[in-house]
Amino acid sequence: MNTNNKQQIISFVLPYHKVKFEDNIKNLILEIAKNFSNFEYEILLVKNKDYKFPIEIIEDNKILSKIKAVEILNNDLYHIRLFGINQASGKYICFLDIDDSYYFKNLANNLSLIIDNDYDMGSFSFSGNKKIKNKSSKNSFEIDYNFLLKNSLSMVNCIFKKALSKKITADLNVSYDEDVAILTQICQDNIKILYIDEPFILTNINEGSVSRTFKGQQLEAITVNKFLENITTEEQFQILLFRFVCPKLIDIKLISDRKLRNDSYKTLKQYIKSKYNKKIINKVFKNRFLIMSCKPWFISLITFLVPRKRLIKIVCKQVSPKQNKNSIGEK
């Protein structure tokens, strides 16, 4: 592959917003520089309205020349992600959530394959997933949106062509399931997707990764799903409803205000009841093991059985051992 071709550049987009993530951002930038020295790339630091990243903590001038900081006066992640896409100059875009860690080597090892074969998107497996059996027995193979829907709809687990951003037309003011809304728009009309059966993202290992859980924003999933219902088939929508709305029940359980918690339960349960199609779900998930292996649902189902006070202690310990439980609140 000719890495001197500027059109082959990949843009890494990092939304940043909190001082406690500075070390994470620095480590991500250094890892990118280490793994992509043979590629033309850029790093976009997308600033929201509350925070300025101290660029001086990056001491290598060669790396600094690859970094561009841009600002958006908005805190909705949907708009922040779209802004990052529009500002990027790369042929391909890779989003990075700064509270996660990544296997950059796996992306670097497969980047030439994705670019040279002109794939619209490259999607990776999640860490810990079993190898997916396919007829060719190869480590990578072409998939369609339906495959992606059942395995991963995470923007931070794939790269995609900037040109696909023309398909993103919805104006949604959301900060929850925003990547599902964006990717579903991108993936319409039979785009060419390469699935790579190796992990790229290692999720939720750094503090603060579930911080937005306690603000009731999970009900934004209803807004997202109402939009997705209009651009997907009935079967696709039922899978989206199953995977990305039902698990919000556990998030609601963590809301400290009892009235807000009960109102949120009522709203979400009414929405699910009005939209859930048991016949389609039973057809899609003929093997009940597939339902249990659907991690967002399975984890929510199990943790929903844990008493609330016990659950808060577990979550606080997971997010930060030093965090005071009163920062969430118990009632």
C-alpha atoms as a PDB file:
ATOM      1  CA  MET A   1       0.000   0.000   0.000  1.00  0.00           C
ATOM      2  CA  ASN A   2       1.247   3.459  -0.843  1.00  0.00           C
ATOM      3  CA  THR A   3       1.218   5.232   2.511  1.00  0.00           C
ATOM      4  CA  ASN A   4       2.392   8.490   0.959  1.00  0.00           C
ATOM      5  CA  ASN A   5      -0.995   8.953  -0.688  1.00  0.00           C
ATOM      6  CA  LYS A   6      -2.711  11.606   1.425  1.00  0.00           C
ATOM      7  CA  GLN A   7      -6.117  10.236   0.392  1.00  0.00           C
ATOM      8  CA  GLN A   8      -5.327   7.056   2.324  1.00  0.00           C
ATOM      9  CA  ILE A   9      -5.097   8.856   5.673  1.00  0.00           C
ATOM     10  CA  ILE A  10      -7.071   7.627   8.690  1.00  0.00           C
ATOM     11  CA  SER A  11      -8.510  10.113  11.159  1.00  0.00           C
ATOM     12  CA  PHE A  12      -8.705   9.168  14.833  1.00  0.00           C
ATOM     13  CA  VAL A  13     -11.443  11.213  16.493  1.00  0.00           C
ATOM     14  CA  LEU A  14     -11.271  11.611  20.292  1.00  0.00           C
ATOM     15  CA  PRO A  15     -14.036  13.539  22.068  1.00  0.00           C
ATOM     16  CA  TYR A  16     -12.566  14.819  25.341  1.00  0.00           C
ATOM     17  CA  HIS A  17     -14.263  16.489  28.257  1.00  0.00           C
ATOM     18  CA  LYS A  18     -12.838  15.840  31.714  1.00  0.00           C
ATOM     19  CA  VAL A  19      -9.547  16.535  33.456  1.00  0.00           C
ATOM     20  CA  LYS A  20      -9.406  13.021  34.911  1.00  0.00           C
ATOM     21  CA  PHE A  21      -9.126  11.619  31.364  1.00  0.00           C
ATOM     22  CA  GLU A  22      -5.945  13.531  30.461  1.00  0.00           C
ATOM     23  CA  ASP A  23      -3.678  10.550  31.102  1.00  0.00           C
ATOM     24  CA  ASN A  24      -5.999   8.301  29.098  1.00  0.00           C
ATOM     25  CA  ILE A  25      -5.893  10.671  26.132  1.00  0.00           C
ATOM     26  CA  LYS A  26      -2.134  10.969  26.280  1.00  0.00           C
ATOM     27  CA  ASN A  27      -1.739   7.192  26.367  1.00  0.00           C
ATOM     28  CA  LEU A  28      -4.113   6.755  23.418  1.00  0.00           C
ATOM     29  CA  ILE A  29      -2.193   9.329  21.374  1.00  0.00           C
ATOM     30  CA  LEU A  30       1.144   7.658  22.127  1.00  0.00           C
ATOM     31  CA  GLU A  31      -0.265   4.227  21.238  1.00  0.00           C
ATOM     32  CA  ILE A  32      -1.547   5.545  17.910  1.00  0.00           C
ATOM     33  CA  ALA A  33       1.873   7.041  17.130  1.00  0.00           C
ATOM     34  CA  LYS A  34       3.583   3.752  17.971  1.00  0.00           C
ATOM     35  CA  ASN A  35       1.294   1.535  15.899  1.00  0.00           C
ATOM     36  CA  PHE A  36       0.621   3.713  12.857  1.00  0.00           C
ATOM     37  CA  SER A  37       4.067   5.065  11.994  1.00  0.00           C
ATOM     38  CA  ASN A  38       3.762   3.476   8.519  1.00  0.00           C
ATOM     39  CA  PHE A  39       0.461   5.186   7.768  1.00  0.00           C
ATOM     40  CA  GLU A  40      -0.625   8.732   7.096  1.00  0.00           C
ATOM     41  CA  TYR A  41      -2.918   9.643   9.977  1.00  0.00           C
ATOM     42  CA  GLU A  42      -4.285  12.529  11.997  1.00  0.00           C
ATOM     43  CA  ILE A  43      -5.682  12.821  15.519  1.00  0.00           C
ATOM     44  CA  LEU A  44      -8.663  15.095  16.138  1.00  0.00           C
ATOM     45  CA  LEU A  45      -9.330  16.203  19.696  1.00  0.00           C
ATOM     46  CA  VAL A  46     -12.960  17.286  19.665  1.00  0.00           C
ATOM     47  CA  LYS A  47     -13.552  19.752  22.480  1.00  0.00           C
ATOM     48  CA  ASN A  48     -16.933  20.220  24.070  1.00  0.00           C
ATOM     49  CA  LYS A  49     -17.884  23.557  25.613  1.00  0.00           C
ATOM     50  CA  ASP A  50     -16.576  22.915  29.138  1.00  0.00           C
ATOM     51  CA  TYR A  51     -12.989  21.759  28.796  1.00  0.00           C
ATOM     52  CA  LYS A  52      -9.668  22.530  27.156  1.00  0.00           C
ATOM     53  CA  PHE A  53      -7.154  19.722  26.718  1.00  0.00           C
ATOM     54  CA  PRO A  54      -3.577  20.676  27.769  1.00  0.00           C
ATOM     55  CA  ILE A  55      -1.836  19.871  24.505  1.00  0.00           C
ATOM     56  CA  GLU A  56       1.543  20.612  26.112  1.00  0.00           C
ATOM     57  CA  ILE A  57       1.533  17.211  27.839  1.00  0.00           C
ATOM     58  CA  ILE A  58       2.418  15.746  24.421  1.00  0.00           C
ATOM     59  CA  GLU A  59       6.159  16.412  24.209  1.00  0.00           C
ATOM     60  CA  ASP A  60       7.035  14.816  20.850  1.00  0.00           C
ATOM     61  CA  ASN A  61       6.854  17.470  18.090  1.00  0.00           C
ATOM     62  CA  LYS A  62       6.429  14.810  15.409  1.00  0.00           C
ATOM     63  CA  ILE A  63       3.318  13.542  17.169  1.00  0.00           C
ATOM     64  CA  LEU A  64       2.094  17.083  17.851  1.00  0.00           C
ATOM     65  CA  SER A  65       2.132  17.771  14.097  1.00  0.00           C
ATOM     66  CA  LYS A  66      -0.466  15.004  13.697  1.00  0.00           C
ATOM     67  CA  ILE A  67      -2.891  16.501  16.230  1.00  0.00           C
ATOM     68  CA  LYS A  68      -5.667  18.971  15.516  1.00  0.00           C
ATOM     69  CA  ALA A  69      -7.987  20.348  18.215  1.00  0.00           C
ATOM     70  CA  VAL A  70     -11.453  21.487  17.174  1.00  0.00           C
ATOM     71  CA  GLU A  71     -14.287  22.924  19.245  1.00  0.00           C
ATOM     72  CA  ILE A  72     -18.021  22.397  19.277  1.00  0.00           C
ATOM     73  CA  LEU A  73     -20.301  24.305  21.652  1.00  0.00           C
ATOM     74  CA  ASN A  74     -22.495  21.307  22.357  1.00  0.00           C
ATOM     75  CA  ASN A  75     -22.488  18.468  24.879  1.00  0.00           C
ATOM     76  CA  ASP A  76     -24.749  16.041  23.000  1.00  0.00           C
ATOM     77  CA  LEU A  77     -22.555  13.146  21.939  1.00  0.00           C
ATOM     78  CA  TYR A  78     -24.536  12.681  18.727  1.00  0.00           C
ATOM     79  CA  HIS A  79     -23.579  16.181  17.532  1.00  0.00           C
ATOM     80  CA  ILE A  80     -20.029  15.857  18.864  1.00  0.00           C
ATOM     81  CA  ARG A  81     -19.521  12.679  16.831  1.00  0.00           C
ATOM     82  CA  LEU A  82     -20.987  14.258  13.680  1.00  0.00           C
ATOM     83  CA  PHE A  83     -18.798  17.319  14.170  1.00  0.00           C
ATOM     84  CA  GLY A  84     -15.736  15.078  14.428  1.00  0.00           C
ATOM     85  CA  ILE A  85     -16.695  13.299  11.202  1.00  0.00           C
ATOM     86  CA  ASN A  86     -17.161  16.584   9.339  1.00  0.00           C
ATOM     87  CA  GLN A  87     -13.862  18.021  10.586  1.00  0.00           C
ATOM     88  CA  ALA A  88     -11.834  14.892   9.758  1.00  0.00           C
ATOM     89  CA  SER A  89      -9.768  14.876   6.568  1.00  0.00           C
ATOM     90  CA  GLY A  90      -9.134  11.133   6.404  1.00  0.00           C
ATOM     91  CA  LYS A  91     -10.605   8.706   3.918  1.00  0.00           C
ATOM     92  CA  TYR A  92     -11.390   6.496   6.920  1.00  0.00           C
ATOM     93  CA  ILE A  93     -12.502   7.527  10.396  1.00  0.00           C
ATOM     94  CA  CYS A  94     -11.945   5.755  13.709  1.00  0.00           C
ATOM     95  CA  PHE A  95     -13.707   6.999  16.857  1.00  0.00           C
ATOM     96  CA  LEU A  96     -12.113   6.427  20.252  1.00  0.00           C
ATOM     97  CA  ASP A  97     -13.932   6.754  23.560  1.00  0.00           C
ATOM     98  CA  ILE A  98     -11.329   8.102  25.958  1.00  0.00           C
ATOM     99  CA  ASP A  99     -12.505   5.986  28.891  1.00  0.00           C
ATOM    100  CA  ASP A 100     -11.722   2.745  27.036  1.00  0.00           C
ATOM    101  CA  SER A 101      -8.561   0.948  25.938  1.00  0.00           C
ATOM    102  CA  TYR A 102      -7.796  -0.498  22.536  1.00  0.00           C
ATOM    103  CA  TYR A 103      -5.813  -3.174  20.712  1.00  0.00           C
ATOM    104  CA  PHE A 104      -4.342  -0.766  18.160  1.00  0.00           C
ATOM    105  CA  LYS A 105      -2.086  -3.480  16.754  1.00  0.00           C
ATOM    106  CA  ASN A 106      -5.129  -5.384  15.465  1.00  0.00           C
ATOM    107  CA  LEU A 107      -6.363  -2.314  13.597  1.00  0.00           C
ATOM    108  CA  ALA A 108      -2.918  -1.528  12.202  1.00  0.00           C
ATOM    109  CA  ASN A 109      -2.466  -5.130  11.022  1.00  0.00           C
ATOM    110  CA  ASN A 110      -5.764  -5.044   9.113  1.00  0.00           C
ATOM    111  CA  LEU A 111      -5.817  -1.460   7.881  1.00  0.00           C
ATOM    112  CA  SER A 112      -4.114  -2.205   4.565  1.00  0.00           C
ATOM    113  CA  LEU A 113      -6.598  -5.015   3.896  1.00  0.00           C
ATOM    114  CA  ILE A 114      -9.529  -2.646   4.471  1.00  0.00           C
ATOM    115  CA  ILE A 115      -8.083   0.199   2.396  1.00  0.00           C
ATOM    116  CA  ASP A 116      -6.651  -1.824  -0.498  1.00  0.00           C
ATOM    117  CA  ASN A 117      -9.960  -3.660  -1.002  1.00  0.00           C
ATOM    118  CA  ASP A 118     -11.914  -0.409  -0.687  1.00  0.00           C
ATOM    119  CA  TYR A 119     -14.213  -1.582   2.098  1.00  0.00           C
ATOM    120  CA  ASP A 120     -16.747   0.941   3.319  1.00  0.00           C
ATOM    121  CA  MET A 121     -16.316  -0.298   6.876  1.00  0.00           C
ATOM    122  CA  GLY A 122     -14.124  -2.578   8.949  1.00  0.00           C
ATOM    123  CA  SER A 123     -15.749  -4.043  12.071  1.00  0.00           C
ATOM    124  CA  PHE A 124     -13.990  -5.952  14.846  1.00  0.00           C
ATOM    125  CA  SER A 125     -15.150  -8.531  17.350  1.00  0.00           C
ATOM    126  CA  PHE A 126     -15.528  -7.594  20.994  1.00  0.00           C
ATOM    127  CA  SER A 127     -12.844  -8.835  23.370  1.00  0.00           C
ATOM    128  CA  GLY A 128     -13.837 -12.110  24.960  1.00  0.00           C
ATOM    129  CA  ASN A 129     -16.153 -13.166  22.137  1.00  0.00           C
ATOM    130  CA  LYS A 130     -15.796 -16.692  20.819  1.00  0.00           C
ATOM    131  CA  LYS A 131     -14.527 -17.058  17.274  1.00  0.00           C
ATOM    132  CA  ILE A 132     -17.392 -16.817  14.810  1.00  0.00           C
ATOM    133  CA  LYS A 133     -17.659 -19.796  12.511  1.00  0.00           C
ATOM    134  CA  ASN A 134     -17.877 -19.070   8.794  1.00  0.00           C
ATOM    135  CA  LYS A 135     -17.692 -21.188   5.669  1.00  0.00           C
ATOM    136  CA  SER A 136     -14.244 -19.982   4.623  1.00  0.00           C
ATOM    137  CA  SER A 137     -12.716 -20.437   8.102  1.00  0.00           C
ATOM    138  CA  LYS A 138     -10.823 -17.194   7.515  1.00  0.00           C
ATOM    139  CA  ASN A 139     -10.107 -14.610  10.194  1.00  0.00           C
ATOM    140  CA  SER A 140     -11.913 -11.917   8.187  1.00  0.00           C
ATOM    141  CA  PHE A 141     -14.903 -12.067   5.873  1.00  0.00           C
ATOM    142  CA  GLU A 142     -17.567  -9.837   4.344  1.00  0.00           C
ATOM    143  CA  ILE A 143     -20.786  -9.233   6.286  1.00  0.00           C
ATOM    144  CA  ASP A 144     -23.978  -7.226   5.903  1.00  0.00           C
ATOM    145  CA  TYR A 145     -25.799  -4.890   8.269  1.00  0.00           C
ATOM    146  CA  ASN A 146     -27.888  -7.718   9.742  1.00  0.00           C
ATOM    147  CA  PHE A 147     -24.734  -9.482  10.895  1.00  0.00           C
ATOM    148  CA  LEU A 148     -23.410  -6.250  12.387  1.00  0.00           C
ATOM    149  CA  LEU A 149     -26.735  -5.644  14.110  1.00  0.00           C
ATOM    150  CA  LYS A 150     -26.555  -8.929  15.995  1.00  0.00           C
ATOM    151  CA  ASN A 151     -22.867  -8.649  16.914  1.00  0.00           C
ATOM    152  CA  SER A 152     -21.797  -5.032  17.331  1.00  0.00           C
ATOM    153  CA  LEU A 153     -23.228  -1.593  16.646  1.00  0.00           C
ATOM    154  CA  SER A 154     -20.473   0.374  18.340  1.00  0.00           C
ATOM    155  CA  MET A 155     -18.707   3.201  16.516  1.00  0.00           C
ATOM    156  CA  VAL A 156     -15.602   2.659  18.612  1.00  0.00           C
ATOM    157  CA  ASN A 157     -15.339  -0.918  17.350  1.00  0.00           C
ATOM    158  CA  CYS A 158     -15.033  -0.129  13.662  1.00  0.00           C
ATOM    159  CA  ILE A 159     -13.600   2.221  11.059  1.00  0.00           C
ATOM    160  CA  PHE A 160     -15.642   3.615   8.186  1.00  0.00           C
ATOM    161  CA  LYS A 161     -15.311   5.862   5.167  1.00  0.00           C
ATOM    162  CA  LYS A 162     -15.821   9.555   5.723  1.00  0.00           C
ATOM    163  CA  ALA A 163     -17.864   9.560   2.503  1.00  0.00           C
ATOM    164  CA  LEU A 164     -20.568   7.573   4.307  1.00  0.00           C
ATOM    165  CA  SER A 165     -21.318  10.609   6.478  1.00  0.00           C
ATOM    166  CA  LYS A 166     -23.556  11.927   3.684  1.00  0.00           C
ATOM    167  CA  LYS A 167     -26.076   9.303   4.797  1.00  0.00           C
ATOM    168  CA  ILE A 168     -26.326  10.801   8.293  1.00  0.00           C
ATOM    169  CA  THR A 169     -29.288  13.139   7.970  1.00  0.00           C
ATOM    170  CA  ALA A 170     -31.177  12.912  11.276  1.00  0.00           C
ATOM    171  CA  ASP A 171     -30.795  15.785  13.739  1.00  0.00           C
ATOM    172  CA  LEU A 172     -30.998  14.064  17.138  1.00  0.00           C
ATOM    173  CA  ASN A 173     -30.166  15.794  20.433  1.00  0.00           C
ATOM    174  CA  VAL A 174     -29.053  12.684  22.301  1.00  0.00           C
ATOM    175  CA  SER A 175     -26.120  11.444  24.343  1.00  0.00           C
ATOM    176  CA  TYR A 176     -27.178   7.830  24.668  1.00  0.00           C
ATOM    177  CA  ASP A 177     -27.130   5.171  21.930  1.00  0.00           C
ATOM    178  CA  GLU A 178     -25.923   7.924  19.637  1.00  0.00           C
ATOM    179  CA  ASP A 179     -23.513   5.602  17.861  1.00  0.00           C
ATOM    180  CA  VAL A 180     -26.340   3.152  17.117  1.00  0.00           C
ATOM    181  CA  ALA A 181     -28.297   5.935  15.412  1.00  0.00           C
ATOM    182  CA  ILE A 182     -25.269   7.022  13.375  1.00  0.00           C
ATOM    183  CA  LEU A 183     -24.114   3.546  12.330  1.00  0.00           C
ATOM    184  CA  THR A 184     -27.593   2.409  11.340  1.00  0.00           C
ATOM    185  CA  GLN A 185     -27.881   5.387   8.983  1.00  0.00           C
ATOM    186  CA  ILE A 186     -24.421   4.695   7.570  1.00  0.00           C
ATOM    187  CA  CYS A 187     -25.056   0.989   6.997  1.00  0.00           C
ATOM    188  CA  GLN A 188     -28.122   1.267   4.781  1.00  0.00           C
ATOM    189  CA  ASP A 189     -28.031   0.400   1.053  1.00  0.00           C
ATOM    190  CA  ASN A 190     -25.721  -2.614   1.163  1.00  0.00           C
ATOM    191  CA  ILE A 191     -22.381  -1.077   1.995  1.00  0.00           C
ATOM    192  CA  LYS A 192     -19.292  -3.283   1.818  1.00  0.00           C
ATOM    193  CA  ILE A 193     -18.301  -4.350   5.348  1.00  0.00           C
ATOM    194  CA  LEU A 194     -15.304  -6.454   6.382  1.00  0.00           C
ATOM    195  CA  TYR A 195     -15.653  -8.300   9.687  1.00  0.00           C
ATOM    196  CA  ILE A 196     -12.366  -9.005  11.480  1.00  0.00           C
ATOM    197  CA  ASP A 197     -12.594 -11.715  14.105  1.00  0.00           C
ATOM    198  CA  GLU A 198     -10.088 -10.047  16.415  1.00  0.00           C
ATOM    199  CA  PRO A 199     -10.844  -7.549  19.206  1.00  0.00           C
ATOM    200  CA  PHE A 200     -10.179  -3.848  18.870  1.00  0.00           C
ATOM    201  CA  ILE A 201     -11.872  -2.362  21.913  1.00  0.00           C
ATOM    202  CA  LEU A 202     -11.492  -3.341  25.555  1.00  0.00           C
ATOM    203  CA  THR A 203     -14.443  -1.598  27.203  1.00  0.00           C
ATOM    204  CA  ASN A 204     -15.163  -0.041  30.561  1.00  0.00           C
ATOM    205  CA  ILE A 205     -11.861  -0.506  32.353  1.00  0.00           C
ATOM    206  CA  ASN A 206     -11.260   3.113  33.320  1.00  0.00           C
ATOM    207  CA  GLU A 207     -13.032   5.202  35.932  1.00  0.00           C
ATOM    208  CA  GLY A 208     -15.995   7.293  34.892  1.00  0.00           C
ATOM    209  CA  SER A 209     -17.067   5.007  32.061  1.00  0.00           C
ATOM    210  CA  VAL A 210     -20.612   4.693  33.408  1.00  0.00           C
ATOM    211  CA  SER A 211     -20.920   8.207  34.828  1.00  0.00           C
ATOM    212  CA  ARG A 212     -23.828   9.265  32.616  1.00  0.00           C
ATOM    213  CA  THR A 213     -25.837   6.282  33.846  1.00  0.00           C
ATOM    214  CA  PHE A 214     -27.130   8.228  36.841  1.00  0.00           C
ATOM    215  CA  LYS A 215     -28.754  11.133  34.988  1.00  0.00           C
ATOM    216  CA  GLY A 216     -31.772   9.406  33.497  1.00  0.00           C
ATOM    217  CA  GLN A 217     -30.458   9.827  29.967  1.00  0.00           C
ATOM    218  CA  GLN A 218     -31.220   6.192  29.186  1.00  0.00           C
ATOM    219  CA  LEU A 219     -34.715   7.291  28.155  1.00  0.00           C
ATOM    220  CA  GLU A 220     -33.084   8.965  25.151  1.00  0.00           C
ATOM    221  CA  ALA A 221     -33.002   5.414  23.780  1.00  0.00           C
ATOM    222  CA  ILE A 222     -36.722   5.866  23.083  1.00  0.00           C
ATOM    223  CA  THR A 223     -35.969   8.906  20.912  1.00  0.00           C
ATOM    224  CA  VAL A 224     -33.281   6.957  19.057  1.00  0.00           C
ATOM    225  CA  ASN A 225     -35.478   3.895  18.548  1.00  0.00           C
ATOM    226  CA  LYS A 226     -38.448   5.935  17.318  1.00  0.00           C
ATOM    227  CA  PHE A 227     -36.160   7.275  14.601  1.00  0.00           C
ATOM    228  CA  LEU A 228     -34.601   3.885  13.800  1.00  0.00           C
ATOM    229  CA  GLU A 229     -38.033   2.316  13.391  1.00  0.00           C
ATOM    230  CA  ASN A 230     -38.478   4.432  10.252  1.00  0.00           C
ATOM    231  CA  ILE A 231     -35.274   3.309   8.504  1.00  0.00           C
ATOM    232  CA  THR A 232     -35.101  -0.398   9.401  1.00  0.00           C
ATOM    233  CA  THR A 233     -37.128  -3.501   8.637  1.00  0.00           C
ATOM    234  CA  GLU A 234     -39.556  -4.839  11.252  1.00  0.00           C
ATOM    235  CA  GLU A 235     -37.120  -7.592  12.173  1.00  0.00           C
ATOM    236  CA  GLN A 236     -34.164  -5.209  12.430  1.00  0.00           C
ATOM    237  CA  PHE A 237     -36.150  -2.836  14.616  1.00  0.00           C
ATOM    238  CA  GLN A 238     -37.179  -5.615  17.002  1.00  0.00           C
ATOM    239  CA  ILE A 239     -33.520  -6.565  17.476  1.00  0.00           C
ATOM    240  CA  LEU A 240     -32.634  -2.930  18.121  1.00  0.00           C
ATOM    241  CA  LEU A 241     -35.486  -2.643  20.620  1.00  0.00           C
ATOM    242  CA  PHE A 242     -34.368  -5.828  22.323  1.00  0.00           C
ATOM    243  CA  ARG A 243     -30.691  -4.931  22.549  1.00  0.00           C
ATOM    244  CA  PHE A 244     -30.724  -1.191  23.123  1.00  0.00           C
ATOM    245  CA  VAL A 245     -33.894  -0.340  25.051  1.00  0.00           C
ATOM    246  CA  CYS A 246     -34.567  -3.250  27.387  1.00  0.00           C
ATOM    247  CA  PRO A 247     -31.085  -3.037  29.010  1.00  0.00           C
ATOM    248  CA  LYS A 248     -31.863   0.535  30.070  1.00  0.00           C
ATOM    249  CA  LEU A 249     -33.973  -0.923  32.862  1.00  0.00           C
ATOM    250  CA  ILE A 250     -30.807  -1.509  34.868  1.00  0.00           C
ATOM    251  CA  ASP A 251     -29.691   2.104  34.303  1.00  0.00           C
ATOM    252  CA  ILE A 252     -32.995   3.347  35.638  1.00  0.00           C
ATOM    253  CA  LYS A 253     -32.489   1.259  38.753  1.00  0.00           C
ATOM    254  CA  LEU A 254     -29.389   3.333  39.543  1.00  0.00           C
ATOM    255  CA  ILE A 255     -31.204   6.680  39.468  1.00  0.00           C
ATOM    256  CA  SER A 256     -31.161   8.096  42.997  1.00  0.00           C
ATOM    257  CA  ASP A 257     -34.437  10.029  42.906  1.00  0.00           C
ATOM    258  CA  ARG A 258     -37.243   7.551  43.590  1.00  0.00           C
ATOM    259  CA  LYS A 259     -39.955   9.514  41.748  1.00  0.00           C
ATOM    260  CA  LEU A 260     -37.756   9.976  38.672  1.00  0.00           C
ATOM    261  CA  ARG A 261     -36.829   6.309  38.873  1.00  0.00           C
ATOM    262  CA  ASN A 262     -40.457   5.162  39.012  1.00  0.00           C
ATOM    263  CA  ASP A 263     -41.558   7.567  36.271  1.00  0.00           C
ATOM    264  CA  SER A 264     -38.699   6.346  34.074  1.00  0.00           C
ATOM    265  CA  TYR A 265     -39.664   2.712  34.667  1.00  0.00           C
ATOM    266  CA  LYS A 266     -43.227   3.471  33.681  1.00  0.00           C
ATOM    267  CA  THR A 267     -42.272   5.384  30.530  1.00  0.00           C
ATOM    268  CA  LEU A 268     -39.807   2.802  29.274  1.00  0.00           C
ATOM    269  CA  LYS A 269     -41.993  -0.207  30.083  1.00  0.00           C
ATOM    270  CA  GLN A 270     -44.956   1.365  28.299  1.00  0.00           C
ATOM    271  CA  TYR A 271     -42.816   2.018  25.247  1.00  0.00           C
ATOM    272  CA  ILE A 272     -41.433  -1.518  25.179  1.00  0.00           C
ATOM    273  CA  LYS A 273     -44.906  -2.990  25.621  1.00  0.00           C
ATOM    274  CA  SER A 274     -46.291  -0.935  22.745  1.00  0.00           C
ATOM    275  CA  LYS A 275     -43.475  -1.875  20.355  1.00  0.00           C
ATOM    276  CA  TYR A 276     -42.364  -5.378  21.344  1.00  0.00           C
ATOM    277  CA  ASN A 277     -43.311  -8.088  18.822  1.00  0.00           C
ATOM    278  CA  LYS A 278     -42.947 -11.478  20.479  1.00  0.00           C
ATOM    279  CA  LYS A 279     -43.551 -13.343  17.238  1.00  0.00           C
ATOM    280  CA  ILE A 280     -40.636 -11.677  15.467  1.00  0.00           C
ATOM    281  CA  ILE A 281     -38.306 -12.015  18.455  1.00  0.00           C
ATOM    282  CA  ASN A 282     -39.089 -15.732  18.744  1.00  0.00           C
ATOM    283  CA  LYS A 283     -38.345 -16.113  15.038  1.00  0.00           C
ATOM    284  CA  VAL A 284     -35.053 -14.219  15.229  1.00  0.00           C
ATOM    285  CA  PHE A 285     -33.865 -15.926  18.405  1.00  0.00           C
ATOM    286  CA  LYS A 286     -34.923 -19.498  17.670  1.00  0.00           C
ATOM    287  CA  ASN A 287     -32.105 -20.742  19.833  1.00  0.00           C
ATOM    288  CA  ARG A 288     -32.628 -19.398  23.357  1.00  0.00           C
ATOM    289  CA  PHE A 289     -28.885 -19.430  23.894  1.00  0.00           C
ATOM    290  CA  LEU A 290     -28.670 -16.536  21.427  1.00  0.00           C
ATOM    291  CA  ILE A 291     -30.805 -14.456  23.766  1.00  0.00           C
ATOM    292  CA  MET A 292     -28.610 -15.264  26.747  1.00  0.00           C
ATOM    293  CA  SER A 293     -25.470 -14.545  24.726  1.00  0.00           C
ATOM    294  CA  CYS A 294     -26.792 -11.095  23.864  1.00  0.00           C
ATOM    295  CA  LYS A 295     -24.624  -9.448  26.485  1.00  0.00           C
ATOM    296  CA  PRO A 296     -26.460  -6.136  27.003  1.00  0.00           C
ATOM    297  CA  TRP A 297     -29.659  -8.004  27.788  1.00  0.00           C
ATOM    298  CA  PHE A 298     -28.105 -10.823  29.787  1.00  0.00           C
ATOM    299  CA  ILE A 299     -26.062  -8.516  32.007  1.00  0.00           C
ATOM    300  CA  SER A 300     -29.104  -6.309  32.623  1.00  0.00           C
ATOM    301  CA  LEU A 301     -31.292  -9.294  33.440  1.00  0.00           C
ATOM    302  CA  ILE A 302     -28.842 -10.662  36.008  1.00  0.00           C
ATOM    303  CA  THR A 303     -27.961  -7.354  37.655  1.00  0.00           C
ATOM    304  CA  PHE A 304     -31.611  -6.329  37.788  1.00  0.00           C
ATOM    305  CA  LEU A 305     -32.057  -9.101  40.355  1.00  0.00           C
ATOM    306  CA  VAL A 306     -29.423  -7.553  42.641  1.00  0.00           C
ATOM    307  CA  PRO A 307     -30.836  -5.307  45.416  1.00  0.00           C
ATOM    308  CA  ARG A 308     -30.405  -1.643  44.556  1.00  0.00           C
ATOM    309  CA  LYS A 309     -28.132  -0.674  47.453  1.00  0.00           C
ATOM    310  CA  ARG A 310     -25.880  -3.630  46.705  1.00  0.00           C
ATOM    311  CA  LEU A 311     -25.836  -2.715  43.016  1.00  0.00           C
ATOM    312  CA  ILE A 312     -24.792   0.869  43.776  1.00  0.00           C
ATOM    313  CA  LYS A 313     -21.852  -0.369  45.850  1.00  0.00           C
ATOM    314  CA  ILE A 314     -20.762  -2.699  43.035  1.00  0.00           C
ATOM    315  CA  VAL A 315     -20.998   0.056  40.413  1.00  0.00           C
ATOM    316  CA  CYS A 316     -19.157   2.595  42.587  1.00  0.00           C
ATOM    317  CA  LYS A 317     -16.372   0.121  43.202  1.00  0.00           C
ATOM    318  CA  GLN A 318     -16.164  -0.655  39.488  1.00  0.00           C
ATOM    319  CA  VAL A 319     -16.118   2.990  38.447  1.00  0.00           C
ATOM    320  CA  SER A 320     -13.706   4.198  41.080  1.00  0.00           C
ATOM    321  CA  PRO A 321     -12.619   2.536  44.324  1.00  0.00           C
ATOM    322  CA  LYS A 322     -12.293   5.968  45.940  1.00  0.00           C
ATOM    323  CA  GLN A 323     -15.660   7.312  44.823  1.00  0.00           C
ATOM    324  CA  ASN A 324     -18.065   8.143  47.625  1.00  0.00           C
ATOM    325  CA  LYS A 325     -21.398   6.375  47.267  1.00  0.00           C
ATOM    326  CA  ASN A 326     -23.111   9.641  48.160  1.00  0.00           C
ATOM    327  CA  SER A 327     -21.980  11.001  44.795  1.00  0.00           C
ATOM    328  CA  ILE A 328     -24.707   8.779  43.371  1.00  0.00           C
ATOM    329  CA  GLY A 329     -27.097   8.918  46.276  1.00  0.00           C
ATOM    330  CA  GLU A 330     -29.359   6.430  47.914  1.00  0.00           C
ATOM    331  CA  LYS A 331     -33.019   6.812  48.743  1.00  0.00           C
END
